[in-house]
C-alpha atoms as a PDB file:
ATOM      1  CA  MET A   1      43.997  76.792 132.741  1.00  0.00           C
ATOM      2  CA  THR A   2      45.708  74.432 129.692  1.00  0.00           C
ATOM      3  CA  GLN A   3      44.491  70.842 131.215  1.00  0.00           C
ATOM      4  CA  ASP A   4      47.254  68.668 130.387  1.00  0.00           C
ATOM      5  CA  LYS A   5      46.328  66.813 127.815  1.00  0.00           C
ATOM      6  CA  ASP A   6      45.656  69.460 126.115  1.00  0.00           C
ATOM      7  CA  ARG A   7      49.417  69.881 125.715  1.00  0.00           C
ATOM      8  CA  GLN A   8      51.836  69.049 123.482  1.00  0.00           C
ATOM      9  CA  GLU A   9      54.995  67.629 124.699  1.00  0.00           C
ATOM     10  CA  PRO A  10      57.996  68.490 124.107  1.00  0.00           C
ATOM     11  CA  PRO A  11      59.601  67.190 120.941  1.00  0.00           C
ATOM     12  CA  ALA A  12      62.922  65.869 122.570  1.00  0.00           C
ATOM     13  CA  PRO A  13      65.656  67.909 125.099  1.00  0.00           C
ATOM     14  CA  GLU A  14      67.298  70.149 123.270  1.00  0.00           C
ATOM     15  CA  GLU A  15      69.693  72.256 124.081  1.00  0.00           C
ATOM     16  CA  TRP A  16      69.589  76.463 124.081  1.00  0.00           C
ATOM     17  CA  HIS A  17      71.965  79.516 123.352  1.00  0.00           C
ATOM     18  CA  LEU A  18      72.281  81.555 127.106  1.00  0.00           C
ATOM     19  CA  TRP A  19      72.801  84.421 126.918  1.00  0.00           C
ATOM     20  CA  LEU A  20      74.446  86.687 129.883  1.00  0.00           C
ATOM     21  CA  ASP A  21      74.062  89.746 128.854  1.00  0.00           C
ATOM     22  CA  GLY A  22      75.151  93.367 130.834  1.00  0.00           C
ATOM     23  CA  VAL A  23      72.739  96.381 131.560  1.00  0.00           C
ATOM     24  CA  HIS A  24      72.029  99.176 128.822  1.00  0.00           C
ATOM     25  CA  ASP A  25      70.181 102.140 127.603  1.00  0.00           C
ATOM     26  CA  PRO A  26      66.478 101.697 126.814  1.00  0.00           C
ATOM     27  CA  ALA A  27      67.275 102.210 123.573  1.00  0.00           C
ATOM     28  CA  PHE A  28      69.918  98.873 123.164  1.00  0.00           C
ATOM     29  CA  ASN A  29      67.828  97.209 125.339  1.00  0.00           C
ATOM     30  CA  MET A  30      65.313  96.360 122.583  1.00  0.00           C
ATOM     31  CA  ALA A  31      67.664  97.099 119.632  1.00  0.00           C
ATOM     32  CA  ALA A  32      69.353  93.894 120.795  1.00  0.00           C
ATOM     33  CA  ASP A  33      65.900  92.013 121.068  1.00  0.00           C
ATOM     34  CA  GLU A  34      65.584  93.200 116.879  1.00  0.00           C
ATOM     35  CA  VAL A  35      68.860  91.917 115.428  1.00  0.00           C
ATOM     36  CA  LEU A  36      68.586  88.292 117.740  1.00  0.00           C
ATOM     37  CA  LEU A  37      64.972  87.889 116.140  1.00  0.00           C
ATOM     38  CA  VAL A  38      66.727  88.865 112.920  1.00  0.00           C
ATOM     39  CA  THR A  39      69.514  87.014 112.890  1.00  0.00           C
ATOM     40  CA  ALA A  40      67.322  84.353 114.527  1.00  0.00           C
ATOM     41  CA  ALA A  41      67.580  81.277 111.614  1.00  0.00           C
ATOM     42  CA  SER A  42      71.319  81.534 112.000  1.00  0.00           C
ATOM     43  CA  ARG A  43      72.100  80.782 115.198  1.00  0.00           C
ATOM     44  CA  GLY A  44      69.537  77.173 114.493  1.00  0.00           C
ATOM     45  CA  ARG A  45      69.190  76.935 118.297  1.00  0.00           C
ATOM     46  CA  PRO A  46      65.975  79.128 120.589  1.00  0.00           C
ATOM     47  CA  LEU A  47      67.896  81.753 122.533  1.00  0.00           C
ATOM     48  CA  LEU A  48      67.336  82.818 126.470  1.00  0.00           C
ATOM     49  CA  ARG A  49      68.551  86.649 126.640  1.00  0.00           C
ATOM     50  CA  VAL A  50      68.945  88.350 130.650  1.00  0.00           C
ATOM     51  CA  TYR A  51      69.906  91.593 131.330  1.00  0.00           C
ATOM     52  CA  GLY A  52      69.792  94.436 132.720  1.00  0.00           C
ATOM     53  CA  TRP A  53      68.495  98.176 132.786  1.00  0.00           C
ATOM     54  CA  ASP A  54      71.489 100.930 133.648  1.00  0.00           C
ATOM     55  CA  ARG A  55      68.260 103.857 134.354  1.00  0.00           C
ATOM     56  CA  PRO A  56      65.274 103.950 135.273  1.00  0.00           C
ATOM     57  CA  ALA A  57      62.604 103.202 132.302  1.00  0.00           C
ATOM     58  CA  VAL A  58      58.989 101.791 130.889  1.00  0.00           C
ATOM     59  CA  SER A  59      59.465 100.391 127.807  1.00  0.00           C
ATOM     60  CA  ILE A  60      55.780 100.787 126.127  1.00  0.00           C
ATOM     61  CA  GLY A  61      54.163  98.236 123.400  1.00  0.00           C
ATOM     62  CA  TYR A  62      54.831  98.761 119.476  1.00  0.00           C
ATOM     63  CA  ILE A  63      50.468 100.272 119.600  1.00  0.00           C
ATOM     64  CA  GLN A  64      50.656 102.949 122.336  1.00  0.00           C
ATOM     65  CA  ARG A  65      50.377 106.043 122.449  1.00  0.00           C
ATOM     66  CA  ARG A  66      53.489 107.684 123.805  1.00  0.00           C
ATOM     67  CA  ASP A  67      51.950 109.348 126.600  1.00  0.00           C
ATOM     68  CA  ALA A  68      51.010 106.485 127.528  1.00  0.00           C
ATOM     69  CA  ALA A  69      54.626 106.513 129.945  1.00  0.00           C
ATOM     70  CA  PRO A  70      54.723 108.266 133.206  1.00  0.00           C
ATOM     71  CA  ALA A  71      57.257 111.431 133.334  1.00  0.00           C
ATOM     72  CA  GLY A  72      59.870 111.233 135.037  1.00  0.00           C
ATOM     73  CA  TYR A  73      61.332 108.069 133.109  1.00  0.00           C
ATOM     74  CA  ALA A  74      63.341 106.899 129.996  1.00  0.00           C
ATOM     75  CA  VAL A  75      61.132 105.782 127.495  1.00  0.00           C
ATOM     76  CA  VAL A  76      61.432 103.201 124.809  1.00  0.00           C
ATOM     77  CA  ARG A  77      59.365 101.700 122.340  1.00  0.00           C
ATOM     78  CA  ARG A  78      58.493  98.042 122.853  1.00  0.00           C
ATOM     79  CA  PRO A  79      59.254  95.755 119.381  1.00  0.00           C
ATOM     80  CA  THR A  80      55.380  94.122 120.947  1.00  0.00           C
ATOM     81  CA  GLY A  81      52.926  94.961 122.224  1.00  0.00           C
ATOM     82  CA  GLY A  82      51.222  95.035 125.756  1.00  0.00           C
ATOM     83  CA  GLY A  83      51.033  97.422 128.353  1.00  0.00           C
ATOM     84  CA  VAL A  84      53.498  99.675 129.514  1.00  0.00           C
ATOM     85  CA  VAL A  85      56.414  98.376 131.981  1.00  0.00           C
ATOM     86  CA  TYR A  86      58.398  99.822 134.494  1.00  0.00           C
ATOM     87  CA  HIS A  87      62.164  98.713 134.188  1.00  0.00           C
ATOM     88  CA  ASP A  88      63.467  99.634 137.454  1.00  0.00           C
ATOM     89  CA  TYR A  89      63.383  97.343 140.357  1.00  0.00           C
ATOM     90  CA  ASP A  90      62.554  94.303 137.642  1.00  0.00           C
ATOM     91  CA  TYR A  91      64.307  91.713 135.783  1.00  0.00           C
ATOM     92  CA  THR A  92      64.357  91.263 132.495  1.00  0.00           C
ATOM     93  CA  TYR A  93      64.814  88.250 129.781  1.00  0.00           C
ATOM     94  CA  THR A  94      63.799  87.651 126.219  1.00  0.00           C
ATOM     95  CA  VAL A  95      63.193  84.219 124.876  1.00  0.00           C
ATOM     96  CA  VAL A  96      63.949  83.431 120.730  1.00  0.00           C
ATOM     97  CA  LEU A  97      63.139  81.009 118.404  1.00  0.00           C
ATOM     98  CA  PRO A  98      63.723  79.877 114.990  1.00  0.00           C
ATOM     99  CA  PRO A  99      61.599  79.502 112.451  1.00  0.00           C
ATOM    100  CA  GLY A 100      60.412  75.724 112.135  1.00  0.00           C
ATOM    101  CA  HIS A 101      60.929  75.618 115.741  1.00  0.00           C
ATOM    102  CA  TRP A 102      58.056  73.707 118.368  1.00  0.00           C
ATOM    103  CA  LEU A 103      56.710  75.927 120.399  1.00  0.00           C
ATOM    104  CA  ALA A 104      56.990  78.961 117.398  1.00  0.00           C
ATOM    105  CA  GLY A 105      54.206  75.895 115.961  1.00  0.00           C
ATOM    106  CA  LEU A 106      51.965  76.745 118.595  1.00  0.00           C
ATOM    107  CA  ASP A 107      49.390  79.369 118.908  1.00  0.00           C
ATOM    108  CA  ARG A 108      50.630  82.361 120.612  1.00  0.00           C
ATOM    109  CA  ILE A 109      47.971  81.452 124.259  1.00  0.00           C
ATOM    110  CA  LYS A 110      49.638  78.035 123.840  1.00  0.00           C
ATOM    111  CA  SER A 111      53.339  78.963 123.758  1.00  0.00           C
ATOM    112  CA  TYR A 112      52.576  81.694 125.977  1.00  0.00           C
ATOM    113  CA  ASP A 113      51.674  78.841 129.131  1.00  0.00           C
ATOM    114  CA  TYR A 114      54.871  76.725 127.734  1.00  0.00           C
ATOM    115  CA  ILE A 115      57.398  79.906 128.588  1.00  0.00           C
ATOM    116  CA  ASN A 116      55.559  80.680 131.397  1.00  0.00           C
ATOM    117  CA  ARG A 117      54.498  78.129 133.241  1.00  0.00           C
ATOM    118  CA  SER A 118      58.815  78.006 132.744  1.00  0.00           C
ATOM    119  CA  VAL A 119      59.267  81.027 134.764  1.00  0.00           C
ATOM    120  CA  GLN A 120      56.499  79.798 137.143  1.00  0.00           C
ATOM    121  CA  ALA A 121      58.882  76.531 137.819  1.00  0.00           C
ATOM    122  CA  GLY A 122      60.935  78.814 138.001  1.00  0.00           C
ATOM    123  CA  LEU A 123      60.596  81.238 140.580  1.00  0.00           C
ATOM    124  CA  ALA A 124      59.176  77.936 141.891  1.00  0.00           C
ATOM    125  CA  ASP A 125      62.839  76.918 142.953  1.00  0.00           C
ATOM    126  CA  LEU A 126      63.557  80.263 144.373  1.00  0.00           C
ATOM    127  CA  THR A 127      59.899  78.984 147.141  1.00  0.00           C
ATOM    128  CA  VAL A 128      57.794  81.989 145.297  1.00  0.00           C
ATOM    129  CA  ALA A 129      54.148  80.198 145.463  1.00  0.00           C
ATOM    130  CA  ALA A 130      53.053  81.440 142.237  1.00  0.00           C
ATOM    131  CA  GLU A 131      49.775  81.076 139.914  1.00  0.00           C
ATOM    132  CA  LEU A 132      49.551  81.728 136.483  1.00  0.00           C
ATOM    133  CA  ALA A 133      45.936  83.894 136.225  1.00  0.00           C
ATOM    134  CA  ASN A 134      42.832  82.133 134.120  1.00  0.00           C
ATOM    135  CA  GLN A 135      41.007  85.261 132.198  1.00  0.00           C
ATOM    136  CA  VAL A 136      42.005  87.565 129.461  1.00  0.00           C
ATOM    137  CA  ILE A 137      42.369  91.405 129.428  1.00  0.00           C
ATOM    138  CA  PRO A 138      38.563  92.478 129.533  1.00  0.00           C
ATOM    139  CA  HIS A 139      37.263  94.015 126.281  1.00  0.00           C
ATOM    140  CA  ASN A 140      36.824  97.424 127.862  1.00  0.00           C
ATOM    141  CA  VAL A 141      40.766  98.120 129.542  1.00  0.00           C
ATOM    142  CA  ASP A 142      42.132 100.913 126.368  1.00  0.00           C
ATOM    143  CA  ARG A 143      45.173  99.543 125.192  1.00  0.00           C
ATOM    144  CA  LEU A 144      46.161 102.032 123.859  1.00  0.00           C
ATOM    145  CA  SER A 145      47.499 103.412 127.743  1.00  0.00           C
ATOM    146  CA  MET A 146      47.284 100.468 130.106  1.00  0.00           C
ATOM    147  CA  ILE A 147      50.408  99.685 132.577  1.00  0.00           C
ATOM    148  CA  CYS A 148      51.420  95.552 131.696  1.00  0.00           C
ATOM    149  CA  PHE A 149      51.484  94.185 136.105  1.00  0.00           C
ATOM    150  CA  LYS A 150      47.621  96.340 137.040  1.00  0.00           C
ATOM    151  CA  ASN A 151      46.283  94.213 134.184  1.00  0.00           C
ATOM    152  CA  PRO A 152      47.015  90.848 133.839  1.00  0.00           C
ATOM    153  CA  THR A 153      45.926  88.193 131.025  1.00  0.00           C
ATOM    154  CA  LYS A 154      46.073  84.796 130.714  1.00  0.00           C
ATOM    155  CA  PHE A 155      49.044  82.784 131.873  1.00  0.00           C
ATOM    156  CA  ASP A 156      50.996  85.800 133.350  1.00  0.00           C
ATOM    157  CA  ILE A 157      51.981  84.828 136.737  1.00  0.00           C
ATOM    158  CA  LEU A 158      50.256  85.200 140.189  1.00  0.00           C
ATOM    159  CA  VAL A 159      51.229  85.165 143.232  1.00  0.00           C
ATOM    160  CA  ASP A 160      48.467  86.006 146.302  1.00  0.00           C
ATOM    161  CA  ASP A 161      45.951  87.590 142.725  1.00  0.00           C
ATOM    162  CA  ARG A 162      48.901  90.173 141.722  1.00  0.00           C
ATOM    163  CA  LYS A 163      50.984  89.448 139.164  1.00  0.00           C
ATOM    164  CA  ILE A 164      54.297  89.774 139.051  1.00  0.00           C
ATOM    165  CA  ALA A 165      55.766  88.826 135.737  1.00  0.00           C
ATOM    166  CA  GLY A 166      54.397  89.388 132.155  1.00  0.00           C
ATOM    167  CA  SER A 167      54.851  89.442 128.747  1.00  0.00           C
ATOM    168  CA  ALA A 168      54.609  89.623 125.262  1.00  0.00           C
ATOM    169  CA  GLN A 169      55.901  88.143 121.602  1.00  0.00           C
ATOM    170  CA  ARG A 170      56.270  89.020 118.614  1.00  0.00           C
ATOM    171  CA  ARG A 171      56.048  86.729 115.756  1.00  0.00           C
ATOM    172  CA  THR A 172      58.068  87.789 111.811  1.00  0.00           C
ATOM    173  CA  HIS A 173      59.468  84.821 108.920  1.00  0.00           C
ATOM    174  CA  ASP A 174      62.687  85.215 111.377  1.00  0.00           C
ATOM    175  CA  GLY A 175      61.277  83.277 113.748  1.00  0.00           C
ATOM    176  CA  LEU A 176      59.500  84.747 117.269  1.00  0.00           C
ATOM    177  CA  LEU A 177      60.859  87.168 120.229  1.00  0.00           C
ATOM    178  CA  HIS A 178      59.611  87.059 123.276  1.00  0.00           C
ATOM    179  CA  GLN A 179      59.641  89.560 125.800  1.00  0.00           C
ATOM    180  CA  GLY A 180      59.653  88.935 129.285  1.00  0.00           C
ATOM    181  CA  SER A 181      59.290  91.039 133.124  1.00  0.00           C
ATOM    182  CA  ILE A 182      59.567  89.852 136.546  1.00  0.00           C
ATOM    183  CA  HIS A 183      58.574  92.911 139.617  1.00  0.00           C
ATOM    184  CA  PHE A 184      57.056  92.133 142.834  1.00  0.00           C
ATOM    185  CA  GLY A 185      56.341  96.170 143.301  1.00  0.00           C
ATOM    186  CA  GLY A 186      59.774  97.056 144.934  1.00  0.00           C
ATOM    187  CA  PRO A 187      64.352  95.908 144.867  1.00  0.00           C
ATOM    188  CA  LEU A 188      64.089  92.294 143.863  1.00  0.00           C
ATOM    189  CA  PRO A 189      63.789  90.457 147.017  1.00  0.00           C
ATOM    190  CA  TYR A 190      66.351  87.900 145.760  1.00  0.00           C
ATOM    191  CA  GLU A 191      69.517  88.024 143.976  1.00  0.00           C
ATOM    192  CA  ARG A 192      69.743  88.283 139.769  1.00  0.00           C
ATOM    193  CA  GLU A 193      72.350  85.911 139.776  1.00  0.00           C
ATOM    194  CA  ALA A 194      70.172  83.060 142.234  1.00  0.00           C
ATOM    195  CA  MET A 195      67.402  84.618 139.706  1.00  0.00           C
ATOM    196  CA  THR A 196      69.059  83.691 136.570  1.00  0.00           C
ATOM    197  CA  ARG A 197      69.768  79.958 137.898  1.00  0.00           C
ATOM    198  CA  ALA A 198      66.165  79.446 138.724  1.00  0.00           C
ATOM    199  CA  LEU A 199      65.268  80.230 135.640  1.00  0.00           C
ATOM    200  CA  ILE A 200      67.130  77.833 133.980  1.00  0.00           C
ATOM    201  CA  ARG A 201      66.658  75.190 135.801  1.00  0.00           C
ATOM    202  CA  GLY A 202      62.014  75.481 134.542  1.00  0.00           C
ATOM    203  CA  PHE A 203      63.169  75.774 131.938  1.00  0.00           C
ATOM    204  CA  ALA A 204      65.199  72.285 132.285  1.00  0.00           C
ATOM    205  CA  SER A 205      62.301  70.884 134.031  1.00  0.00           C
ATOM    206  CA  VAL A 206      59.237  71.984 131.833  1.00  0.00           C
ATOM    207  CA  MET A 207      60.449  71.898 128.707  1.00  0.00           C
ATOM    208  CA  ALA A 208      64.060  69.983 129.460  1.00  0.00           C
ATOM    209  CA  VAL A 209      66.190  73.030 127.845  1.00  0.00           C
ATOM    210  CA  THR A 210      69.468  72.078 128.286  1.00  0.00           C
ATOM    211  CA  MET A 211      71.271  75.564 128.046  1.00  0.00           C
ATOM    212  CA  ILE A 212      74.336  76.853 126.074  1.00  0.00           C
ATOM    213  CA  ALA A 213      76.867  79.729 127.244  1.00  0.00           C
ATOM    214  CA  TYR A 214      76.226  82.128 124.657  1.00  0.00           C
ATOM    215  CA  GLN A 215      78.235  85.143 123.468  1.00  0.00           C
ATOM    216  CA  PRO A 216      77.357  87.429 120.871  1.00  0.00           C
ATOM    217  CA  ALA A 217      79.917  88.662 118.222  1.00  0.00           C
ATOM    218  CA  ASP A 218      81.772  91.831 116.742  1.00  0.00           C
ATOM    219  CA  GLU A 219      79.100  92.081 114.218  1.00  0.00           C
ATOM    220  CA  PHE A 220      75.988  91.319 116.200  1.00  0.00           C
ATOM    221  CA  PHE A 221      77.011  93.948 118.953  1.00  0.00           C
ATOM    222  CA  ALA A 222      77.449  96.807 115.338  1.00  0.00           C
ATOM    223  CA  ALA A 223      74.308  95.325 113.924  1.00  0.00           C
ATOM    224  CA  VAL A 224      72.025  96.453 117.379  1.00  0.00           C
ATOM    225  CA  ALA A 225      74.237  99.192 116.921  1.00  0.00           C
ATOM    226  CA  GLN A 226      72.568 100.478 114.246  1.00  0.00           C
ATOM    227  CA  CYS A 227      69.647  99.302 115.554  1.00  0.00           C
ATOM    228  CA  ARG A 228      69.752 101.187 118.459  1.00  0.00           C
ATOM    229  CA  ASN A 229      70.787 104.316 116.436  1.00  0.00           C
ATOM    230  CA  ASP A 230      68.304 104.426 114.112  1.00  0.00           C
ATOM    231  CA  LYS A 231      65.348 103.647 115.985  1.00  0.00           C
ATOM    232  CA  TYR A 232      65.424 102.974 118.933  1.00  0.00           C
ATOM    233  CA  ALA A 233      66.862 106.148 119.976  1.00  0.00           C
ATOM    234  CA  LYS A 234      64.667 108.174 117.861  1.00  0.00           C
ATOM    235  CA  ASP A 235      61.388 110.179 118.412  1.00  0.00           C
ATOM    236  CA  GLU A 236      59.845 109.080 115.051  1.00  0.00           C
ATOM    237  CA  TRP A 237      59.774 105.560 116.313  1.00  0.00           C
ATOM    238  CA  ASN A 238      59.631 106.134 120.681  1.00  0.00           C
ATOM    239  CA  ALA A 239      56.793 108.954 119.902  1.00  0.00           C
ATOM    240  CA  ARG A 240      55.203 108.076 117.051  1.00  0.00           C
ATOM    241  CA  ARG A 241      51.384 107.728 118.047  1.00  0.00           C
END
């Protein structure tokens, strides 16, 4: 793990938007994250979104083959990388950073360190004794078909050497999109509201973040609906590989 002396300290306490989103279909969830990224600069503040899925689903990484997804699940392709993620019993969250934010200025690995340590601290608040992985995914693992939670990589979150939380990023001129999932291997052992409260405390303890309630405007949801229908609900996107 990165040594403390190598870490850049957060410049100052800061306020983030917190969107306590609801349960949606897979295409909506990915479209919402994409529109959050595109509009990050106009909001100015970082944003944490927590949300759910209205059906058993899997999301596949941006470069993965469509046939990497198992049968019997709704399938959507993420705008971020990584492996197949099961959205049946998981807890999902998104971090979106505007361009110029200090975290977006770090390299990918260091930004994972900060965000995943915040999640780790939140889990500790729930008495989950989690550690951060040290090793990267071996080169012999087929990334086009890999299952995310069977292949931990550096700064993923482990309990008893089993991956319980992973994430993936996309960086553009609009900012940084970080999509994360926590999965204990079955039904969540904690209420979602308790996990959200713990996650908020984790970000506060690691990065001195204060969350401010946020609700997008109607124009945002109109953009999400268009993105959903034009992209994430279509086979041209989901089966493009």
